[in-house]
PDB file of N, CA and C in Angstrom:
ATOM      1  N   UNK A   1       4.852  14.560 -42.765  1.00  0.00           N
ATOM      2  CA  UNK A   1       5.409  14.983 -41.300  1.00  0.00           C
ATOM      3  C   UNK A   1       4.239  15.302 -40.243  1.00  0.00           C
ATOM      4  N   UNK A   2       3.397  15.675 -40.859  1.00  0.00           N
ATOM      5  CA  UNK A   2       2.424  16.548 -39.494  1.00  0.00           C
ATOM      6  C   UNK A   2       1.748  15.281 -38.915  1.00  0.00           C
ATOM      7  N   UNK A   3       1.316  14.167 -39.763  1.00  0.00           N
ATOM      8  CA  UNK A   3       1.213  12.974 -38.729  1.00  0.00           C
ATOM      9  C   UNK A   3       2.074  12.442 -38.259  1.00  0.00           C
ATOM     10  N   UNK A   4       3.449  12.428 -38.567  1.00  0.00           N
ATOM     11  CA  UNK A   4       4.425  12.039 -37.498  1.00  0.00           C
ATOM     12  C   UNK A   4       4.793  13.030 -36.007  1.00  0.00           C
ATOM     13  N   UNK A   5       4.797  14.258 -35.849  1.00  0.00           N
ATOM     14  CA  UNK A   5       4.231  14.650 -34.775  1.00  0.00           C
ATOM     15  C   UNK A   5       3.011  14.618 -34.460  1.00  0.00           C
ATOM     16  N   UNK A   6       1.670  14.430 -34.801  1.00  0.00           N
ATOM     17  CA  UNK A   6       0.632  13.885 -34.203  1.00  0.00           C
ATOM     18  C   UNK A   6       0.702  12.799 -33.387  1.00  0.00           C
ATOM     19  N   UNK A   7       1.349  11.854 -34.005  1.00  0.00           N
ATOM     20  CA  UNK A   7       1.808  10.246 -33.633  1.00  0.00           C
ATOM     21  C   UNK A   7       3.142  10.560 -32.296  1.00  0.00           C
ATOM     22  N   UNK A   8       3.671  11.468 -32.097  1.00  0.00           N
ATOM     23  CA  UNK A   8       4.712  11.747 -31.347  1.00  0.00           C
ATOM     24  C   UNK A   8       3.714  12.706 -29.673  1.00  0.00           C
ATOM     25  N   UNK A   9       3.445  13.231 -30.399  1.00  0.00           N
ATOM     26  CA  UNK A   9       2.147  14.119 -29.228  1.00  0.00           C
ATOM     27  C   UNK A   9       1.473  13.002 -28.244  1.00  0.00           C
ATOM     28  N   UNK A  10       0.789  12.487 -29.472  1.00  0.00           N
ATOM     29  CA  UNK A  10      -0.227  11.739 -28.354  1.00  0.00           C
ATOM     30  C   UNK A  10       0.609  10.126 -27.847  1.00  0.00           C
ATOM     31  N   UNK A  11       1.913  10.101 -28.382  1.00  0.00           N
ATOM     32  CA  UNK A  11       2.237   8.941 -27.675  1.00  0.00           C
ATOM     33  C   UNK A  11       2.585   9.309 -26.418  1.00  0.00           C
ATOM     34  N   UNK A  12       3.600  10.732 -26.672  1.00  0.00           N
ATOM     35  CA  UNK A  12       4.075  11.461 -25.205  1.00  0.00           C
ATOM     36  C   UNK A  12       2.846  11.371 -24.451  1.00  0.00           C
ATOM     37  N   UNK A  13       2.043  11.910 -24.420  1.00  0.00           N
ATOM     38  CA  UNK A  13       0.626  12.602 -23.784  1.00  0.00           C
ATOM     39  C   UNK A  13       0.598  10.922 -23.069  1.00  0.00           C
ATOM     40  N   UNK A  14       0.069   9.657 -23.796  1.00  0.00           N
ATOM     41  CA  UNK A  14      -0.339   8.636 -23.264  1.00  0.00           C
ATOM     42  C   UNK A  14       0.915   7.911 -21.908  1.00  0.00           C
ATOM     43  N   UNK A  15       2.221   8.790 -22.590  1.00  0.00           N
ATOM     44  CA  UNK A  15       3.177   8.094 -21.115  1.00  0.00           C
ATOM     45  C   UNK A  15       2.780   8.705 -20.059  1.00  0.00           C
ATOM     46  N   UNK A  16       2.276  10.377 -20.226  1.00  0.00           N
ATOM     47  CA  UNK A  16       2.320  10.971 -18.861  1.00  0.00           C
ATOM     48  C   UNK A  16       1.220  10.626 -18.323  1.00  0.00           C
ATOM     49  N   UNK A  17       0.267   9.848 -19.207  1.00  0.00           N
ATOM     50  CA  UNK A  17      -1.047   9.838 -18.338  1.00  0.00           C
ATOM     51  C   UNK A  17      -1.001   8.436 -17.478  1.00  0.00           C
ATOM     52  N   UNK A  18       0.164   7.506 -18.033  1.00  0.00           N
ATOM     53  CA  UNK A  18       0.205   6.583 -17.261  1.00  0.00           C
ATOM     54  C   UNK A  18       1.018   6.646 -16.051  1.00  0.00           C
ATOM     55  N   UNK A  19       1.836   7.779 -16.587  1.00  0.00           N
ATOM     56  CA  UNK A  19       3.344   7.953 -15.053  1.00  0.00           C
ATOM     57  C   UNK A  19       2.166   8.929 -14.164  1.00  0.00           C
ATOM     58  N   UNK A  20       0.815   9.196 -14.441  1.00  0.00           N
ATOM     59  CA  UNK A  20       0.080  10.070 -13.546  1.00  0.00           C
ATOM     60  C   UNK A  20      -1.008   9.205 -12.481  1.00  0.00           C
ATOM     61  N   UNK A  21      -1.237   8.263 -13.159  1.00  0.00           N
ATOM     62  CA  UNK A  21      -2.001   7.107 -12.779  1.00  0.00           C
ATOM     63  C   UNK A  21      -1.026   6.485 -11.784  1.00  0.00           C
ATOM     64  N   UNK A  22      -0.088   5.781 -12.188  1.00  0.00           N
ATOM     65  CA  UNK A  22       0.706   5.228 -10.640  1.00  0.00           C
ATOM     66  C   UNK A  22       1.093   6.476  -9.835  1.00  0.00           C
ATOM     67  N   UNK A  23       1.066   7.204  -9.938  1.00  0.00           N
ATOM     68  CA  UNK A  23       1.199   8.334  -9.134  1.00  0.00           C
ATOM     69  C   UNK A  23       0.321   8.388  -8.184  1.00  0.00           C
ATOM     70  N   UNK A  24      -0.971   8.576  -8.620  1.00  0.00           N
ATOM     71  CA  UNK A  24      -2.429   7.919  -8.188  1.00  0.00           C
ATOM     72  C   UNK A  24      -2.464   7.418  -7.082  1.00  0.00           C
ATOM     73  N   UNK A  25      -2.166   6.060  -7.767  1.00  0.00           N
ATOM     74  CA  UNK A  25      -2.226   4.877  -7.297  1.00  0.00           C
ATOM     75  C   UNK A  25      -1.368   4.610  -6.053  1.00  0.00           C
ATOM     76  N   UNK A  26       0.179   5.427  -6.317  1.00  0.00           N
ATOM     77  CA  UNK A  26       1.204   5.520  -4.907  1.00  0.00           C
ATOM     78  C   UNK A  26       0.229   6.460  -3.883  1.00  0.00           C
ATOM     79  N   UNK A  27      -0.541   7.225  -4.390  1.00  0.00           N
ATOM     80  CA  UNK A  27      -0.765   8.152  -3.474  1.00  0.00           C
ATOM     81  C   UNK A  27      -1.691   7.869  -2.695  1.00  0.00           C
ATOM     82  N   UNK A  28      -2.756   7.263  -3.122  1.00  0.00           N
ATOM     83  CA  UNK A  28      -3.487   6.889  -2.533  1.00  0.00           C
ATOM     84  C   UNK A  28      -3.745   5.194  -1.569  1.00  0.00           C
ATOM     85  N   UNK A  29      -2.520   5.083  -2.268  1.00  0.00           N
ATOM     86  CA  UNK A  29      -1.865   3.540  -1.277  1.00  0.00           C
ATOM     87  C   UNK A  29      -1.011   4.061  -0.191  1.00  0.00           C
ATOM     88  N   UNK A  30      -0.678   5.168  -0.238  1.00  0.00           N
ATOM     89  CA  UNK A  30       0.801   5.921   0.900  1.00  0.00           C
ATOM     90  C   UNK A  30      -0.615   6.344   2.132  1.00  0.00           C
ATOM     91  N   UNK A  31      -1.620   7.175   1.887  1.00  0.00           N
ATOM     92  CA  UNK A  31      -3.253   7.450   2.485  1.00  0.00           C
ATOM     93  C   UNK A  31      -3.353   6.262   3.558  1.00  0.00           C
ATOM     94  N   UNK A  32      -3.578   4.910   2.712  1.00  0.00           N
ATOM     95  CA  UNK A  32      -4.110   3.876   3.042  1.00  0.00           C
ATOM     96  C   UNK A  32      -3.275   3.399   4.452  1.00  0.00           C
ATOM     97  N   UNK A  33      -2.120   3.429   3.584  1.00  0.00           N
ATOM     98  CA  UNK A  33      -1.002   3.156   5.051  1.00  0.00           C
ATOM     99  C   UNK A  33      -0.709   3.680   6.000  1.00  0.00           C
ATOM    100  N   UNK A  34      -1.328   5.315   6.114  1.00  0.00           N
ATOM    101  CA  UNK A  34      -1.052   6.000   7.483  1.00  0.00           C
ATOM    102  C   UNK A  34      -2.559   5.979   8.264  1.00  0.00           C
ATOM    103  N   UNK A  35      -3.229   5.284   7.748  1.00  0.00           N
ATOM    104  CA  UNK A  35      -4.059   4.797   8.428  1.00  0.00           C
ATOM    105  C   UNK A  35      -4.008   3.554   8.952  1.00  0.00           C
ATOM    106  N   UNK A  36      -3.343   2.680   8.667  1.00  0.00           N
ATOM    107  CA  UNK A  36      -2.775   1.081   9.424  1.00  0.00           C
ATOM    108  C   UNK A  36      -1.803   1.546  10.469  1.00  0.00           C
ATOM    109  N   UNK A  37      -1.237   2.276  10.012  1.00  0.00           N
ATOM    110  CA  UNK A  37      -0.558   3.312  10.955  1.00  0.00           C
ATOM    111  C   UNK A  37      -0.708   3.774  12.210  1.00  0.00           C
ATOM    112  N   UNK A  38      -2.121   4.597  12.324  1.00  0.00           N
ATOM    113  CA  UNK A  38      -3.193   5.050  13.380  1.00  0.00           C
ATOM    114  C   UNK A  38      -3.718   4.324  13.955  1.00  0.00           C
ATOM    115  N   UNK A  39      -3.734   2.681  13.538  1.00  0.00           N
ATOM    116  CA  UNK A  39      -4.890   1.745  13.824  1.00  0.00           C
ATOM    117  C   UNK A  39      -4.095   1.102  15.068  1.00  0.00           C
ATOM    118  N   UNK A  40      -2.448   0.856  14.246  1.00  0.00           N
ATOM    119  CA  UNK A  40      -1.695   0.240  15.342  1.00  0.00           C
ATOM    120  C   UNK A  40      -1.422   0.859  16.557  1.00  0.00           C
ATOM    121  N   UNK A  41      -1.553   2.183  16.618  1.00  0.00           N
ATOM    122  CA  UNK A  41      -0.969   2.892  18.270  1.00  0.00           C
ATOM    123  C   UNK A  41      -1.976   2.316  18.864  1.00  0.00           C
ATOM    124  N   UNK A  42      -2.938   1.743  19.371  1.00  0.00           N
ATOM    125  CA  UNK A  42      -4.074   1.494  20.093  1.00  0.00           C
ATOM    126  C   UNK A  42      -3.549  -0.335  19.976  1.00  0.00           C
ATOM    127  N   UNK A  43      -3.299  -1.307  21.053  1.00  0.00           N
ATOM    128  CA  UNK A  43      -3.507  -3.024  21.082  1.00  0.00           C
ATOM    129  C   UNK A  43      -4.358  -3.485  20.387  1.00  0.00           C
ATOM    130  N   UNK A  44      -5.745  -2.789  20.970  1.00  0.00           N
ATOM    131  CA  UNK A  44      -6.873  -3.504  21.453  1.00  0.00           C
ATOM    132  C   UNK A  44      -6.879  -3.166  19.139  1.00  0.00           C
ATOM    133  N   UNK A  45      -6.990  -2.078  18.771  1.00  0.00           N
ATOM    134  CA  UNK A  45      -7.069  -2.145  17.233  1.00  0.00           C
ATOM    135  C   UNK A  45      -5.674  -2.837  16.292  1.00  0.00           C
ATOM    136  N   UNK A  46      -4.700  -3.551  16.953  1.00  0.00           N
ATOM    137  CA  UNK A  46      -3.750  -3.846  16.019  1.00  0.00           C
ATOM    138  C   UNK A  46      -4.571  -5.365  15.337  1.00  0.00           C
ATOM    139  N   UNK A  47      -5.767  -5.979  15.381  1.00  0.00           N
ATOM    140  CA  UNK A  47      -6.052  -6.988  14.502  1.00  0.00           C
ATOM    141  C   UNK A  47      -6.971  -5.940  12.921  1.00  0.00           C
ATOM    142  N   UNK A  48      -7.394  -4.889  13.223  1.00  0.00           N
ATOM    143  CA  UNK A  48      -7.832  -4.143  12.201  1.00  0.00           C
ATOM    144  C   UNK A  48      -6.493  -3.577  11.503  1.00  0.00           C
ATOM    145  N   UNK A  49      -5.437  -2.918  11.791  1.00  0.00           N
ATOM    146  CA  UNK A  49      -3.784  -2.329  11.192  1.00  0.00           C
ATOM    147  C   UNK A  49      -3.820  -3.928  10.464  1.00  0.00           C
ATOM    148  N   UNK A  50      -3.727  -4.666  11.291  1.00  0.00           N
ATOM    149  CA  UNK A  50      -3.156  -6.147  10.636  1.00  0.00           C
ATOM    150  C   UNK A  50      -4.217  -6.057   9.086  1.00  0.00           C
ATOM    151  N   UNK A  51      -5.181  -6.306   8.863  1.00  0.00           N
ATOM    152  CA  UNK A  51      -6.296  -6.218   8.619  1.00  0.00           C
ATOM    153  C   UNK A  51      -6.021  -5.221   6.848  1.00  0.00           C
ATOM    154  N   UNK A  52      -5.427  -3.984   7.525  1.00  0.00           N
ATOM    155  CA  UNK A  52      -5.943  -2.932   6.817  1.00  0.00           C
ATOM    156  C   UNK A  52      -4.560  -3.048   6.033  1.00  0.00           C
ATOM    157  N   UNK A  53      -3.576  -3.389   6.874  1.00  0.00           N
ATOM    158  CA  UNK A  53      -2.177  -3.670   5.812  1.00  0.00           C
ATOM    159  C   UNK A  53      -2.152  -4.966   4.639  1.00  0.00           C
ATOM    160  N   UNK A  54      -2.972  -5.806   5.321  1.00  0.00           N
ATOM    161  CA  UNK A  54      -2.969  -6.468   3.889  1.00  0.00           C
ATOM    162  C   UNK A  54      -4.203  -6.198   2.572  1.00  0.00           C
ATOM    163  N   UNK A  55      -5.264  -5.498   2.929  1.00  0.00           N
ATOM    164  CA  UNK A  55      -6.100  -5.153   1.947  1.00  0.00           C
ATOM    165  C   UNK A  55      -5.047  -4.005   0.880  1.00  0.00           C
ATOM    166  N   UNK A  56      -4.218  -3.375   1.976  1.00  0.00           N
ATOM    167  CA  UNK A  56      -3.006  -2.378   1.221  1.00  0.00           C
ATOM    168  C   UNK A  56      -2.249  -3.044   0.098  1.00  0.00           C
ATOM    169  N   UNK A  57      -1.621  -4.300   0.586  1.00  0.00           N
ATOM    170  CA  UNK A  57      -0.779  -4.812   0.135  1.00  0.00           C
ATOM    171  C   UNK A  57      -1.614  -5.733  -1.548  1.00  0.00           C
ATOM    172  N   UNK A  58      -2.301  -6.217  -1.091  1.00  0.00           N
ATOM    173  CA  UNK A  58      -3.599  -6.495  -2.062  1.00  0.00           C
ATOM    174  C   UNK A  58      -4.009  -5.705  -3.308  1.00  0.00           C
ATOM    175  N   UNK A  59      -4.227  -4.838  -2.542  1.00  0.00           N
ATOM    176  CA  UNK A  59      -4.748  -3.807  -3.622  1.00  0.00           C
ATOM    177  C   UNK A  59      -4.228  -2.932  -4.532  1.00  0.00           C
ATOM    178  N   UNK A  60      -2.677  -2.833  -3.208  1.00  0.00           N
ATOM    179  CA  UNK A  60      -1.596  -2.011  -4.285  1.00  0.00           C
ATOM    180  C   UNK A  60      -0.432  -2.718  -4.269  1.00  0.00           C
ATOM    181  N   UNK A  61      -0.403  -4.001  -4.729  1.00  0.00           N
ATOM    182  CA  UNK A  61       1.033  -4.588  -4.979  1.00  0.00           C
ATOM    183  C   UNK A  61       1.883  -3.684  -6.156  1.00  0.00           C
ATOM    184  N   UNK A  62       1.255  -3.775  -6.544  1.00  0.00           N
ATOM    185  CA  UNK A  62       2.300  -2.869  -7.962  1.00  0.00           C
ATOM    186  C   UNK A  62       3.237  -1.358  -7.240  1.00  0.00           C
ATOM    187  N   UNK A  63       2.547  -1.210  -6.137  1.00  0.00           N
ATOM    188  CA  UNK A  63       3.424   0.218  -6.142  1.00  0.00           C
ATOM    189  C   UNK A  63       4.443  -0.452  -4.636  1.00  0.00           C
ATOM    190  N   UNK A  64       4.728   0.858  -4.597  1.00  0.00           N
ATOM    191  CA  UNK A  64       6.355   0.814  -3.272  1.00  0.00           C
ATOM    192  C   UNK A  64       5.613   0.698  -1.792  1.00  0.00           C
ATOM    193  N   UNK A  65       4.574   1.562  -1.509  1.00  0.00           N
ATOM    194  CA  UNK A  65       3.677   1.392  -0.252  1.00  0.00           C
ATOM    195  C   UNK A  65       2.883   0.166  -0.139  1.00  0.00           C
ATOM    196  N   UNK A  66       2.423  -0.426  -1.659  1.00  0.00           N
ATOM    197  CA  UNK A  66       1.980  -1.968  -1.555  1.00  0.00           C
ATOM    198  C   UNK A  66       2.487  -2.711  -0.948  1.00  0.00           C
ATOM    199  N   UNK A  67       4.100  -2.776  -1.210  1.00  0.00           N
ATOM    200  CA  UNK A  67       5.272  -3.430  -1.138  1.00  0.00           C
ATOM    201  C   UNK A  67       5.462  -3.604   0.538  1.00  0.00           C
ATOM    202  N   UNK A  68       5.438  -2.173   0.658  1.00  0.00           N
ATOM    203  CA  UNK A  68       5.960  -1.678   2.382  1.00  0.00           C
ATOM    204  C   UNK A  68       4.713  -2.403   3.541  1.00  0.00           C
ATOM    205  N   UNK A  69       3.562  -2.164   2.479  1.00  0.00           N
ATOM    206  CA  UNK A  69       2.005  -2.654   3.787  1.00  0.00           C
ATOM    207  C   UNK A  69       2.468  -4.051   3.967  1.00  0.00           C
ATOM    208  N   UNK A  70       2.931  -5.013   3.027  1.00  0.00           N
ATOM    209  CA  UNK A  70       3.318  -6.248   2.430  1.00  0.00           C
ATOM    210  C   UNK A  70       3.833  -6.732   3.723  1.00  0.00           C
ATOM    211  N   UNK A  71       5.089  -6.043   3.976  1.00  0.00           N
ATOM    212  CA  UNK A  71       6.345  -5.929   4.695  1.00  0.00           C
ATOM    213  C   UNK A  71       5.686  -6.096   6.136  1.00  0.00           C
ATOM    214  N   UNK A  72       4.553  -4.774   6.273  1.00  0.00           N
ATOM    215  CA  UNK A  72       4.877  -4.190   7.734  1.00  0.00           C
ATOM    216  C   UNK A  72       3.473  -5.495   8.393  1.00  0.00           C
ATOM    217  N   UNK A  73       2.533  -5.835   7.058  1.00  0.00           N
ATOM    218  CA  UNK A  73       1.847  -6.917   7.396  1.00  0.00           C
ATOM    219  C   UNK A  73       1.694  -8.516   8.129  1.00  0.00           C
ATOM    220  N   UNK A  74       2.999  -8.599   7.646  1.00  0.00           N
ATOM    221  CA  UNK A  74       4.173 -10.010   7.982  1.00  0.00           C
ATOM    222  C   UNK A  74       4.282  -9.222   9.279  1.00  0.00           C
ATOM    223  N   UNK A  75       4.914  -8.615   9.847  1.00  0.00           N
ATOM    224  CA  UNK A  75       5.594  -8.490  10.583  1.00  0.00           C
ATOM    225  C   UNK A  75       4.350  -8.362  12.248  1.00  0.00           C
ATOM    226  N   UNK A  76       3.625  -7.224  11.782  1.00  0.00           N
ATOM    227  CA  UNK A  76       2.307  -7.315  12.630  1.00  0.00           C
ATOM    228  C   UNK A  76       1.881  -9.092  12.939  1.00  0.00           C
ATOM    229  N   UNK A  77       1.706  -9.364  12.183  1.00  0.00           N
ATOM    230  CA  UNK A  77       1.064 -10.665  12.521  1.00  0.00           C
ATOM    231  C   UNK A  77       2.254 -11.858  13.290  1.00  0.00           C
ATOM    232  N   UNK A  78       3.684 -11.557  12.815  1.00  0.00           N
ATOM    233  CA  UNK A  78       4.225 -12.520  13.954  1.00  0.00           C
ATOM    234  C   UNK A  78       4.039 -12.065  15.205  1.00  0.00           C
ATOM    235  N   UNK A  79       4.240 -10.616  14.992  1.00  0.00           N
ATOM    236  CA  UNK A  79       4.005  -9.930  16.580  1.00  0.00           C
ATOM    237  C   UNK A  79       2.514  -9.932  17.506  1.00  0.00           C
ATOM    238  N   UNK A  80       1.692 -10.513  16.666  1.00  0.00           N
ATOM    239  CA  UNK A  80       0.564 -10.811  17.469  1.00  0.00           C
ATOM    240  C   UNK A  80       0.575 -11.775  17.684  1.00  0.00           C
ATOM    241  N   UNK A  81       1.017 -12.658  16.974  1.00  0.00           N
ATOM    242  CA  UNK A  81       0.800 -14.412  17.812  1.00  0.00           C
ATOM    243  C   UNK A  81       1.954 -14.581  18.846  1.00  0.00           C
ATOM    244  N   UNK A  82       3.290 -13.861  19.043  1.00  0.00           N
ATOM    245  CA  UNK A  82       3.754 -13.876  20.051  1.00  0.00           C
ATOM    246  C   UNK A  82       3.565 -13.354  21.209  1.00  0.00           C
ATOM    247  N   UNK A  83       2.567 -12.323  20.956  1.00  0.00           N
ATOM    248  CA  UNK A  83       2.008 -11.273  21.708  1.00  0.00           C
ATOM    249  C   UNK A  83       0.467 -12.686  22.504  1.00  0.00           C
ATOM    250  N   UNK A  84      -0.156 -13.038  21.846  1.00  0.00           N
ATOM    251  CA  UNK A  84      -1.284 -13.931  22.355  1.00  0.00           C
ATOM    252  C   UNK A  84      -0.475 -15.642  22.761  1.00  0.00           C
ATOM    253  N   UNK A  85       0.595 -16.110  22.314  1.00  0.00           N
ATOM    254  CA  UNK A  85       1.005 -16.699  23.315  1.00  0.00           C
ATOM    255  C   UNK A  85       1.375 -16.204  24.133  1.00  0.00           C
ATOM    256  N   UNK A  86       2.182 -15.057  24.621  1.00  0.00           N
ATOM    257  CA  UNK A  86       2.827 -14.537  25.967  1.00  0.00           C
ATOM    258  C   UNK A  86       1.366 -14.065  26.978  1.00  0.00           C
ATOM    259  N   UNK A  87       0.073 -13.870  26.306  1.00  0.00           N
ATOM    260  CA  UNK A  87      -0.957 -13.411  27.136  1.00  0.00           C
ATOM    261  C   UNK A  87      -1.607 -15.031  27.449  1.00  0.00           C
ATOM    262  N   UNK A  88      -1.794 -15.979  26.623  1.00  0.00           N
ATOM    263  CA  UNK A  88      -2.106 -17.174  27.256  1.00  0.00           C
ATOM    264  C   UNK A  88      -1.178 -17.820  28.731  1.00  0.00           C
ATOM    265  N   UNK A  89       0.179 -17.609  28.378  1.00  0.00           N
ATOM    266  CA  UNK A  89       1.224 -18.310  29.338  1.00  0.00           C
ATOM    267  C   UNK A  89       1.232 -17.282  30.448  1.00  0.00           C
ATOM    268  N   UNK A  90       0.723 -16.544  30.263  1.00  0.00           N
ATOM    269  CA  UNK A  90       0.686 -15.181  31.644  1.00  0.00           C
ATOM    270  C   UNK A  90      -0.070 -15.683  32.899  1.00  0.00           C
TER     271      UNK A  90
END
């Protein structure tokens, strides 16, 4: 009986440890995402923002923020392409 309780305790703690790790990865991804947002503020740093979102999307693909970063990366890449075409024709 004591063995069963020990197993349940170890099993429960391992689940909690896994959840804490996921939360930690999500928090880290969110911090990196915010730095990307800061880089977006200035047009000159747009390439750096795009690179940052690509990094986050790749490194944290298993998190919600990683998925958001991937979406943001795609949008900014398209915007950059449009802006560069406009600049070439202006």
